[in-house]
Protein backbone atom coordinates (compact mmCIF):
# COMPACT_ATOMS: atom_id res chain seq x y z
CA MET A 1 110.34 176.86 78.49
CA ALA A 2 110.27 177.66 82.18
CA ASP A 3 107.68 180.32 81.64
CA ILE A 4 105.42 177.90 79.76
CA PHE A 5 105.71 175.33 82.43
CA GLN A 6 105.02 177.95 85.07
CA GLU A 7 101.95 179.11 83.23
CA TYR A 8 100.42 175.68 82.40
CA GLY A 9 102.25 173.36 84.84
CA PHE A 10 99.45 173.71 87.40
CA LEU A 11 97.28 171.60 85.13
CA LEU A 12 99.54 168.62 85.89
CA LYS A 13 98.59 168.96 89.52
CA SER A 14 94.84 169.41 88.90
CA PHE A 15 92.16 166.74 89.63
CA ASP A 16 90.60 167.34 86.23
CA PHE A 17 93.85 166.58 84.45
CA TYR A 18 94.32 163.14 85.90
CA ILE A 19 90.66 162.22 85.40
CA LEU A 20 90.82 163.19 81.74
CA LEU A 21 94.16 161.48 81.31
CA ALA A 22 92.85 158.22 82.62
CA LEU A 23 89.71 158.60 80.46
CA VAL A 24 91.68 159.25 77.36
CA LEU A 25 93.89 156.20 77.84
CA LEU A 26 90.89 153.97 78.53
CA VAL A 27 88.93 155.29 75.57
CA ILE A 28 91.97 154.78 73.25
CA TYR A 29 92.17 151.14 74.40
CA GLN A 30 88.36 150.75 73.81
CA LEU A 31 88.56 152.21 70.31
CA PHE A 32 91.48 149.85 69.43
CA PHE A 33 89.42 146.95 70.79
CA TYR A 34 86.32 147.75 68.77
CA PHE A 35 88.32 148.25 65.47
CA ARG A 36 89.96 144.94 66.04
CA MET A 37 86.70 143.27 66.46
CA LEU A 38 85.53 144.64 63.13
CA PHE A 39 88.67 143.08 61.54
CA ALA A 40 87.52 139.74 62.88
CA CYS A 41 84.50 139.44 60.67
CA ARG A 42 86.37 139.99 57.38
CA PRO A 43 86.19 136.99 55.01
CA MET A 44 89.17 134.79 54.63
CA VAL A 45 91.05 135.35 51.35
CA THR A 46 91.93 131.79 50.01
CA ASP A 47 91.87 130.09 46.64
CA ALA A 48 91.72 126.69 48.23
CA SER A 49 89.16 124.24 46.98
CA PRO A 50 88.71 121.85 49.95
CA THR A 51 88.02 118.17 49.17
CA ALA A 52 89.16 116.33 52.18
CA GLY A 53 86.58 114.10 53.80
CA VAL A 54 84.49 115.67 56.68
CA SER A 55 82.62 114.08 59.55
CA VAL A 56 79.82 116.24 60.69
CA ILE A 57 78.98 115.33 64.26
CA VAL A 58 75.72 116.18 66.12
CA CYS A 59 74.78 115.29 69.71
CA ALA A 60 71.19 115.04 70.36
CA ARG A 61 69.11 114.64 73.54
CA ASN A 62 65.32 114.70 73.04
CA GLU A 63 65.70 116.64 69.75
CA GLN A 64 63.33 114.80 67.50
CA GLN A 65 61.54 117.99 66.38
CA ASN A 66 64.74 119.95 65.71
CA LEU A 67 66.26 117.03 63.84
CA GLN A 68 63.19 116.94 61.64
CA ASP A 69 63.52 120.57 61.04
CA PHE A 70 67.22 120.91 60.35
CA LEU A 71 68.90 117.57 59.70
CA TYR A 72 68.04 117.87 55.98
CA ALA A 73 70.12 121.01 55.66
CA LEU A 74 73.18 119.04 56.90
CA LEU A 75 72.66 116.00 54.76
CA THR A 76 72.33 118.08 51.60
CA GLN A 77 75.39 120.17 51.82
CA ASP A 78 77.36 120.92 48.57
CA TYR A 79 80.59 119.17 49.34
CA PRO A 80 82.13 116.14 47.63
CA CYS A 81 82.92 113.87 50.57
CA PHE A 82 81.21 114.06 53.99
CA GLU A 83 79.07 112.18 56.43
CA VAL A 84 76.72 113.17 59.21
CA ILE A 85 76.95 111.26 62.51
CA VAL A 86 74.21 111.84 65.07
CA VAL A 87 74.89 110.63 68.62
CA ASP A 88 71.72 109.95 70.56
CA ASP A 89 72.56 111.05 74.11
CA GLY A 90 69.92 109.27 76.17
CA SER A 91 66.81 110.60 74.43
CA GLU A 92 63.45 109.76 75.90
CA ASP A 93 61.45 110.94 72.95
CA ASP A 94 61.29 109.43 69.39
CA THR A 95 64.71 110.62 68.49
CA SER A 96 66.11 107.10 68.08
CA ALA A 97 63.24 105.97 65.75
CA PHE A 98 63.71 109.14 63.58
CA LEU A 99 67.46 108.45 63.36
CA GLU A 100 66.79 104.90 62.27
CA ARG A 101 64.48 106.02 59.48
CA SER A 102 66.89 108.76 58.37
CA ALA A 103 69.90 106.44 58.21
CA ARG A 104 67.82 104.11 55.89
CA GLU A 105 67.05 107.04 53.58
CA TRP A 106 70.38 108.72 53.50
CA SER A 107 73.57 106.91 52.66
CA ASN A 108 75.81 109.53 54.31
CA MET A 109 73.89 109.53 57.57
CA TYR A 110 74.96 107.39 60.53
CA HIS A 111 73.91 107.27 64.13
CA THR A 112 75.09 105.85 67.28
CA PHE A 113 74.21 106.40 71.02
CA VAL A 114 75.53 106.91 74.53
CA PRO A 115 75.11 103.67 76.45
CA ARG A 116 72.21 104.04 78.95
CA GLY A 117 73.42 104.09 82.48
CA ALA A 118 76.86 105.43 81.63
CA ARG A 119 78.17 107.00 84.88
CA VAL A 120 79.81 110.21 83.69
CA ILE A 121 79.68 113.84 84.71
CA SER A 122 79.37 115.27 81.26
CA SER A 123 77.41 112.93 78.98
CA LYS A 124 77.91 115.38 76.01
CA LYS A 125 81.70 114.91 76.20
CA LEU A 126 81.12 111.23 76.15
CA ALA A 127 78.71 111.62 73.20
CA LEU A 128 81.26 113.62 71.23
CA THR A 129 84.05 111.16 72.03
CA ILE A 130 81.81 108.33 70.68
CA GLY A 131 81.02 110.38 67.57
CA ILE A 132 84.71 111.32 66.86
CA LYS A 133 85.82 107.66 67.35
CA ALA A 134 83.11 106.61 64.93
CA ALA A 135 84.10 109.17 62.30
CA HIS A 136 85.47 107.80 59.00
CA TYR A 137 87.20 110.96 58.05
CA ASP A 138 90.09 113.04 59.39
CA TYR A 139 88.29 116.34 59.80
CA ILE A 140 85.61 116.79 62.38
CA LEU A 141 82.95 119.54 62.00
CA LEU A 142 80.64 120.12 64.96
CA THR A 143 77.14 121.57 65.35
CA ASP A 144 74.02 121.02 67.41
CA ALA A 145 70.71 119.49 66.59
CA ASP A 146 68.88 122.83 66.83
CA CYS A 147 71.15 124.51 64.26
CA ARG A 148 70.70 125.15 60.59
CA PRO A 149 73.58 126.28 58.26
CA GLU A 150 73.22 129.53 56.44
CA SER A 151 73.62 127.80 53.11
CA LYS A 152 74.53 124.51 51.38
CA TYR A 153 78.12 125.78 51.25
CA TRP A 154 78.69 125.69 55.05
CA ILE A 155 81.02 122.63 55.05
CA ARG A 156 83.04 124.07 52.10
CA GLU A 157 83.39 127.43 53.87
CA MET A 158 84.52 125.96 57.11
CA MET A 159 86.89 123.67 55.44
CA SER A 160 88.62 126.65 53.68
CA GLY A 161 90.01 127.42 57.04
CA PHE A 162 92.29 124.45 56.71
CA ALA A 163 93.97 125.87 53.55
CA ASP A 164 97.11 126.39 55.67
CA GLU A 165 98.59 123.03 56.42
CA SER A 166 99.62 124.10 59.96
CA THR A 167 95.86 124.83 60.77
CA GLU A 168 94.38 122.16 63.10
CA LEU A 169 91.39 124.08 64.45
CA VAL A 170 88.92 126.35 62.84
CA LEU A 171 86.56 128.65 64.72
CA GLY A 172 83.28 129.64 63.21
CA PHE A 173 80.37 131.94 64.34
CA SER A 174 76.84 130.86 65.20
CA PRO A 175 74.22 133.58 65.62
CA TYR A 176 70.62 132.94 66.84
CA PHE A 177 67.40 133.09 64.94
CA GLU A 178 65.83 136.44 65.47
CA ASN A 179 62.35 137.64 66.32
CA ASN A 180 60.91 141.02 67.48
CA SER A 181 61.10 140.34 71.23
CA PHE A 182 63.46 142.28 73.59
CA LEU A 183 65.04 138.93 74.77
CA SER A 184 65.83 137.95 71.25
CA ASN A 185 67.39 141.39 70.61
CA ILE A 186 69.62 141.19 73.69
CA ILE A 187 70.63 137.56 72.95
CA SER A 188 71.57 138.57 69.35
CA TYR A 189 73.77 141.42 70.52
CA ASP A 190 75.34 139.46 73.31
CA THR A 191 76.13 136.54 70.94
CA LEU A 192 77.59 138.97 68.20
CA PHE A 193 79.66 140.83 70.82
CA VAL A 194 81.08 137.61 72.29
CA GLY A 195 81.66 136.14 68.82
CA LEU A 196 83.54 139.20 67.57
CA GLN A 197 85.60 139.13 70.79
CA TYR A 198 86.84 135.53 70.59
CA MET A 199 87.40 135.76 66.80
CA ALA A 200 89.31 138.97 67.16
CA LEU A 201 91.54 137.55 69.81
CA ALA A 202 92.13 134.40 67.77
CA LYS A 203 93.11 136.47 64.72
CA ALA A 204 95.47 138.35 66.93
CA GLY A 205 97.14 135.07 67.90
CA HIS A 206 95.37 134.59 71.33
CA PRO A 207 92.54 131.98 70.73
CA TYR A 208 90.76 131.23 73.95
CA MET A 209 87.31 129.77 73.06
CA GLY A 210 84.92 128.58 70.34
CA VAL A 211 81.36 127.45 70.20
CA GLY A 212 80.36 123.86 69.62
CA ARG A 213 77.59 124.99 67.33
CA ASN A 214 80.23 125.81 64.61
CA MET A 215 83.70 124.58 64.98
CA ALA A 216 86.01 122.21 63.16
CA TYR A 217 89.28 120.44 64.03
CA ARG A 218 91.51 117.63 62.81
CA LYS A 219 90.71 114.28 64.40
CA GLU A 220 94.37 113.79 65.22
CA LEU A 221 94.37 117.08 67.29
CA PHE A 222 91.64 115.55 69.49
CA PHE A 223 93.48 112.33 70.07
CA ALA A 224 96.85 113.97 70.44
CA HIS A 225 95.52 115.84 73.48
CA ASN A 226 93.74 112.73 74.84
CA GLY A 227 90.37 114.15 73.91
CA PHE A 228 88.63 115.77 76.95
CA GLN A 229 91.05 114.45 79.47
CA GLY A 230 91.56 117.00 82.25
CA LEU A 231 88.11 118.47 81.48
CA LEU A 232 85.93 115.55 82.52
CA ASN A 233 85.15 116.88 86.00
CA GLU A 234 83.24 119.77 84.37
CA ARG A 235 79.78 119.30 83.03
CA ALA A 236 80.29 121.97 80.44
CA GLY A 237 83.29 123.06 78.42
CA ASP A 238 83.32 120.57 75.55
CA ASP A 239 83.86 123.49 73.27
CA ASP A 240 85.47 126.54 75.02
CA LEU A 241 87.60 124.67 77.41
CA PHE A 242 88.79 122.30 74.78
CA VAL A 243 89.80 125.25 72.63
CA ASN A 244 91.39 126.96 75.56
CA LYS A 245 93.46 123.73 76.05
CA VAL A 246 94.53 122.98 72.55
CA ALA A 247 94.51 126.27 70.62
CA THR A 248 97.75 128.21 69.72
CA ARG A 249 98.45 131.13 67.54
CA HIS A 250 99.90 128.80 64.95
CA ASN A 251 97.26 126.08 64.74
CA THR A 252 93.99 128.17 64.80
CA ALA A 253 92.10 129.85 62.03
CA VAL A 254 88.88 131.87 61.97
CA VAL A 255 86.20 131.66 59.23
CA CYS A 256 83.43 134.25 59.40
CA THR A 257 81.59 134.55 56.08
CA ARG A 258 77.85 134.58 55.42
CA ASP A 259 78.00 131.03 53.99
CA SER A 260 80.01 129.72 57.01
CA LEU A 261 77.27 130.72 59.64
CA VAL A 262 75.14 128.33 61.59
CA TRP A 263 71.97 129.64 62.96
CA SER A 264 70.64 128.32 66.23
CA VAL A 265 67.31 128.40 68.10
CA PRO A 266 67.48 130.99 70.99
CA GLU A 267 65.95 130.54 74.42
CA ARG A 268 62.32 131.86 74.51
CA TYR A 269 62.21 132.82 78.26
CA TRP A 270 64.46 134.83 80.47
CA HIS A 271 64.78 132.00 83.10
CA ASN A 272 66.11 129.64 80.42
CA TRP A 273 68.51 132.21 78.98
CA PHE A 274 69.80 132.96 82.54
CA GLN A 275 70.45 129.20 83.09
CA GLN A 276 72.15 128.97 79.66
CA LYS A 277 74.47 131.93 80.57
CA ARG A 278 75.17 130.44 83.94
CA ARG A 279 76.17 127.19 82.32
CA HIS A 280 78.44 128.90 79.74
CA LEU A 281 80.11 131.12 82.32
CA SER A 282 80.56 128.29 84.87
CA VAL A 283 83.71 127.05 83.21
CA SER A 284 85.40 130.34 82.62
CA SER A 285 87.26 130.09 85.85
CA HIS A 286 89.20 127.17 84.27
CA TYR A 287 90.55 129.32 81.45
CA LYS A 288 94.28 130.01 81.26
CA LEU A 289 95.31 133.08 83.23
CA SER A 290 96.45 134.77 80.04
CA SER A 291 92.90 134.30 78.58
CA LYS A 292 91.28 135.59 81.70
CA LEU A 293 93.34 138.71 81.63
CA ARG A 294 92.69 139.37 77.94
CA ILE A 295 88.96 138.89 78.03
CA GLY A 296 88.64 140.67 81.44
CA ALA A 297 90.48 143.75 80.21
CA GLU A 298 87.51 144.96 78.13
CA PRO A 299 84.74 144.96 80.71
CA PHE A 300 87.24 146.27 83.27
CA SER A 301 88.15 149.23 81.14
CA ARG A 302 84.47 149.73 80.13
CA GLY A 303 83.50 149.94 83.86
CA TRP A 304 86.18 152.49 84.56
CA ILE A 305 85.11 154.65 81.69
CA TYR A 306 81.73 154.84 83.22
CA ILE A 307 83.10 155.64 86.66
CA LEU A 308 85.42 158.29 85.40
CA LEU A 309 82.59 159.85 83.32
CA ILE A 310 80.41 160.06 86.48
CA VAL A 311 83.20 161.55 88.50
CA ALA A 312 84.04 164.09 85.77
CA MET A 313 80.38 165.16 85.51
CA ALA A 314 80.07 165.50 89.20
CA CYS A 315 83.41 166.98 90.29
CA CYS A 316 85.25 168.57 87.30
CA GLY A 317 85.19 171.94 85.79
CA GLY A 318 83.08 172.79 82.79
CA TYR A 319 85.82 172.25 80.21
CA ALA A 320 86.66 168.79 81.69
CA LYS A 321 83.03 167.81 81.64
CA CYS A 322 82.79 168.66 77.92
CA ILE A 323 85.92 166.76 77.12
CA ALA A 324 84.83 163.74 79.18
CA LEU A 325 81.44 163.67 77.53
CA ALA A 326 82.96 164.04 74.06
CA LEU A 327 85.35 161.15 74.68
CA PHE A 328 82.56 158.94 75.84
CA LEU A 329 80.36 159.75 72.90
CA LEU A 330 83.23 159.08 70.52
CA ARG A 331 83.61 155.64 72.11
CA MET A 332 79.87 154.92 71.80
CA LEU A 333 79.87 156.16 68.19
CA VAL A 334 82.65 153.85 67.29
CA GLN A 335 81.08 150.95 69.08
CA TYR A 336 77.74 151.64 67.41
CA CYS A 337 79.39 151.69 63.97
CA VAL A 338 81.50 148.53 64.48
CA ILE A 339 78.69 146.48 65.81
CA ASN A 340 76.32 147.42 63.08
CA LEU A 341 78.97 147.13 60.21
CA ALA A 342 79.78 143.57 61.58
CA ALA A 343 75.94 142.78 61.76
CA LYS A 344 75.47 143.96 58.18
CA ARG A 345 78.36 141.86 56.93
CA LEU A 346 76.85 138.78 58.65
CA GLY A 347 73.29 139.39 57.81
CA LEU A 348 72.23 140.12 61.46
CA ARG A 349 69.69 142.70 62.72
CA TYR A 350 70.45 146.41 63.09
CA PHE A 351 71.11 147.73 66.68
CA GLY A 352 70.00 151.14 67.62
CA ILE A 353 70.35 153.31 70.76
CA GLU A 354 69.60 150.17 72.88
CA ILE A 355 73.34 149.57 72.57
CA VAL A 356 73.94 151.98 75.35
CA PHE A 357 71.69 149.88 77.66
CA TYR A 358 73.43 146.58 76.63
CA ASP A 359 76.87 148.27 77.21
CA ILE A 360 75.93 148.72 80.84
CA PHE A 361 73.60 145.82 81.55
CA LEU A 362 75.55 142.81 80.06
CA PRO A 363 78.86 143.18 82.03
CA LEU A 364 76.86 143.59 85.25
CA PHE A 365 74.66 140.63 84.37
CA ASN A 366 77.76 138.51 83.59
CA LEU A 367 79.51 139.58 86.85
CA TYR A 368 76.38 138.66 88.85
CA ILE A 369 76.26 135.23 87.25
CA LEU A 370 80.04 134.70 87.91
CA LEU A 371 79.69 135.66 91.51
CA THR A 372 76.52 133.54 92.12
CA ASN A 373 78.21 130.59 90.31
CA ARG A 374 81.00 130.63 92.98
CA LEU A 375 78.31 130.51 95.77
CA ARG A 376 76.26 127.89 94.00
CA ARG A 377 76.66 124.31 95.28
CA LYS A 378 74.03 122.67 92.91
CA PRO A 379 75.76 121.20 89.85
CA ILE A 380 75.31 123.15 86.55
CA TYR A 381 74.25 120.63 83.99
CA TRP A 382 75.16 120.61 80.24
């Protein structure tokens, strides 16, 4: 044994050894992370046939055209007992007139409004509160005016998440409509990655966020936590901060099937997408510390993988370079397979070699936004 240590023990003191050891540990963590994300998009196994009444709530500000395009898909859902409540949040177009006509045409359609001149920081939180208070049923299902369900079974699929009586909150997934532009591609990838991350952590018992385009909860959960109390000083956060506040490992379920998806209209211009990301990330500093640590672990480990790979290529011996490169390629192969398997299950686009660019660009882009948000004095509107 002493002879073996004497022969190979020098490796333990070598620079190459510690570089490779750190890289191996980080890659193992990343592989575990990606496999867990793939598990997040598995369909729920339930024999439940939900029939409880549901109130679908939509907040709309200057959304006449989107309501004309997508409201019909909400009103014609295949579900025994539901209503659609649209809250007009200070629209200056013909949204109000369109809602009046729709309410006369559809018996399950209701509309209300945010009082003009209401002095609040976040009018959307006020609009949601008005809609929830107006709801006739005990289950609230949220989406936006520019969203269209994948199928007529959307309500049924989302309500299947409440099969367990302890469930009070159900998180869904909402991809964006796709086209052939580079911006659309990167938005689709970013949305899928973030969605898999929050759903994977929720399934692991650590829910930290959801998206208001596709989320459901019991009305009593909302009032038990005094609605958005404690979040009213933030213009955003009506979905992710609320989930971060009320979600637990015991009361949260994830539904991610094809029929449960809600498609949304993406931003068409880089500037608009930048502002959207700025708004979404503006509230992340208010997450619980445990949530920050969990969601920060992945980009932190990813960054160190690239740093160690560069160091290995520049400073290590030939064998170490080969091992480091092989580890990196293994990680990228697993990421490539996981992302595309998840995309296939959900009916999303196929992603190719551009994943390598997204893997580098998106964390740096998000970091830039987080840093500039801290220096920014101008309010970030909903």
